[in-house]
């Protein structure tokens, strides 16, 4: 998943500065241009990673768990801006989640 997400970002209008994953979620620090919405970024990441993961060697495993729909992610997501926190503080928090 890590390689897929980094590959998506190479052709996107946003930069993933840092990300770490837990068992059931991913933390990102993303820099993006103002004309993009957070929803557009999340949609792109979810759609493209789902497409790639279903084409991978894990297809049979996924099919046994997601037999009704070829999905991978939940519908929702949580987003917040860094506000008054420094980017380095947020970066360290995300790194500590790995």
Protein backbone atom coordinates (compact mmCIF):
# COMPACT_ATOMS: atom_id res chain seq x y z
CA UNK A 1 0.00 0.00 0.00
CA UNK A 2 2.87 2.34 0.83
CA UNK A 3 4.36 2.06 -2.67
CA UNK A 4 0.97 2.44 -4.34
CA UNK A 5 0.18 5.63 -2.41
CA UNK A 6 3.60 7.15 -3.11
CA UNK A 7 3.19 6.32 -6.80
CA UNK A 8 -0.23 8.04 -6.89
CA UNK A 9 1.26 11.15 -5.32
CA UNK A 10 3.96 11.44 -8.01
CA UNK A 11 1.32 12.36 -10.60
CA UNK A 12 -1.03 14.29 -8.32
CA UNK A 13 -1.48 17.97 -7.48
CA UNK A 14 -0.56 17.30 -3.87
CA UNK A 15 2.47 16.11 -1.93
CA UNK A 16 2.45 13.55 0.82
CA UNK A 17 5.00 14.85 3.26
CA UNK A 18 4.71 11.94 5.68
CA UNK A 19 2.38 9.05 6.37
CA UNK A 20 2.20 6.07 8.66
CA UNK A 21 -0.34 3.31 8.99
CA UNK A 22 -1.91 1.50 11.87
CA UNK A 23 -3.89 -1.74 11.67
CA UNK A 24 -7.03 -0.04 10.40
CA UNK A 25 -6.17 3.51 9.36
CA UNK A 26 -3.54 5.80 7.85
CA UNK A 27 -2.27 9.18 9.04
CA UNK A 28 -1.15 11.67 6.38
CA UNK A 29 0.45 15.09 6.35
CA UNK A 30 -0.38 16.42 2.89
CA UNK A 31 0.52 19.70 1.21
CA UNK A 32 -1.92 20.70 -1.50
CA UNK A 33 -2.84 23.63 -3.70
CA UNK A 34 -5.90 25.67 -2.70
CA UNK A 35 -7.94 24.74 -5.78
CA UNK A 36 -8.12 21.13 -4.55
CA UNK A 37 -10.50 20.04 -1.85
CA UNK A 38 -9.61 17.52 0.81
CA UNK A 39 -12.48 15.37 -0.47
CA UNK A 40 -10.89 15.27 -3.94
CA UNK A 41 -7.57 14.16 -2.47
CA UNK A 42 -9.12 11.44 -0.30
CA UNK A 43 -11.31 10.24 -3.19
CA UNK A 44 -8.28 9.96 -5.48
CA UNK A 45 -6.25 8.04 -2.90
CA UNK A 46 -9.10 5.66 -2.06
CA UNK A 47 -10.19 5.03 -5.65
CA UNK A 48 -6.73 4.46 -7.07
CA UNK A 49 -5.46 2.31 -4.19
CA UNK A 50 -8.62 0.18 -4.36
CA UNK A 51 -8.14 -0.30 -8.10
CA UNK A 52 -4.48 -1.31 -7.66
CA UNK A 53 -5.01 -3.59 -4.67
CA UNK A 54 -7.78 -5.49 -6.46
CA UNK A 55 -5.47 -6.06 -9.44
CA UNK A 56 -2.69 -7.36 -7.20
CA UNK A 57 -1.77 -10.83 -6.01
CA UNK A 58 -4.08 -10.28 -3.02
CA UNK A 59 -7.23 -10.45 -5.15
CA UNK A 60 -8.31 -13.87 -3.87
CA UNK A 61 -7.82 -12.86 -0.25
CA UNK A 62 -9.79 -9.64 -0.78
CA UNK A 63 -12.56 -11.46 -2.60
CA UNK A 64 -13.04 -13.76 0.39
CA UNK A 65 -13.65 -10.72 2.64
CA UNK A 66 -15.31 -8.28 0.25
CA UNK A 67 -17.31 -10.69 -1.89
CA UNK A 68 -20.30 -8.39 -2.34
CA UNK A 69 -18.42 -5.34 -3.63
CA UNK A 70 -14.89 -4.77 -4.79
CA UNK A 71 -14.16 -2.26 -2.08
CA UNK A 72 -11.34 -1.74 0.36
CA UNK A 73 -11.88 1.47 2.32
CA UNK A 74 -14.74 2.67 4.48
CA UNK A 75 -16.83 5.57 3.20
CA UNK A 76 -15.76 8.06 5.86
CA UNK A 77 -12.59 9.90 6.74
CA UNK A 78 -11.39 12.43 9.31
CA UNK A 79 -9.47 15.56 8.39
CA UNK A 80 -8.12 18.47 10.36
CA UNK A 81 -5.77 21.31 9.58
CA UNK A 82 -2.64 21.74 11.62
CA UNK A 83 -3.91 25.08 12.91
CA UNK A 84 -1.54 26.56 15.48
CA UNK A 85 0.59 23.43 15.75
CA UNK A 86 3.91 23.41 13.96
CA UNK A 87 4.31 21.12 10.96
CA UNK A 88 7.19 19.40 12.81
CA UNK A 89 4.91 18.57 15.77
CA UNK A 90 2.34 17.01 13.42
CA UNK A 91 5.07 15.19 11.48
CA UNK A 92 6.44 13.66 14.72
CA UNK A 93 2.94 12.62 15.81
CA UNK A 94 2.31 10.85 12.51
CA UNK A 95 5.69 9.11 12.60
CA UNK A 96 4.95 7.88 16.12
CA UNK A 97 1.79 6.14 14.83
CA UNK A 98 3.81 3.63 12.77
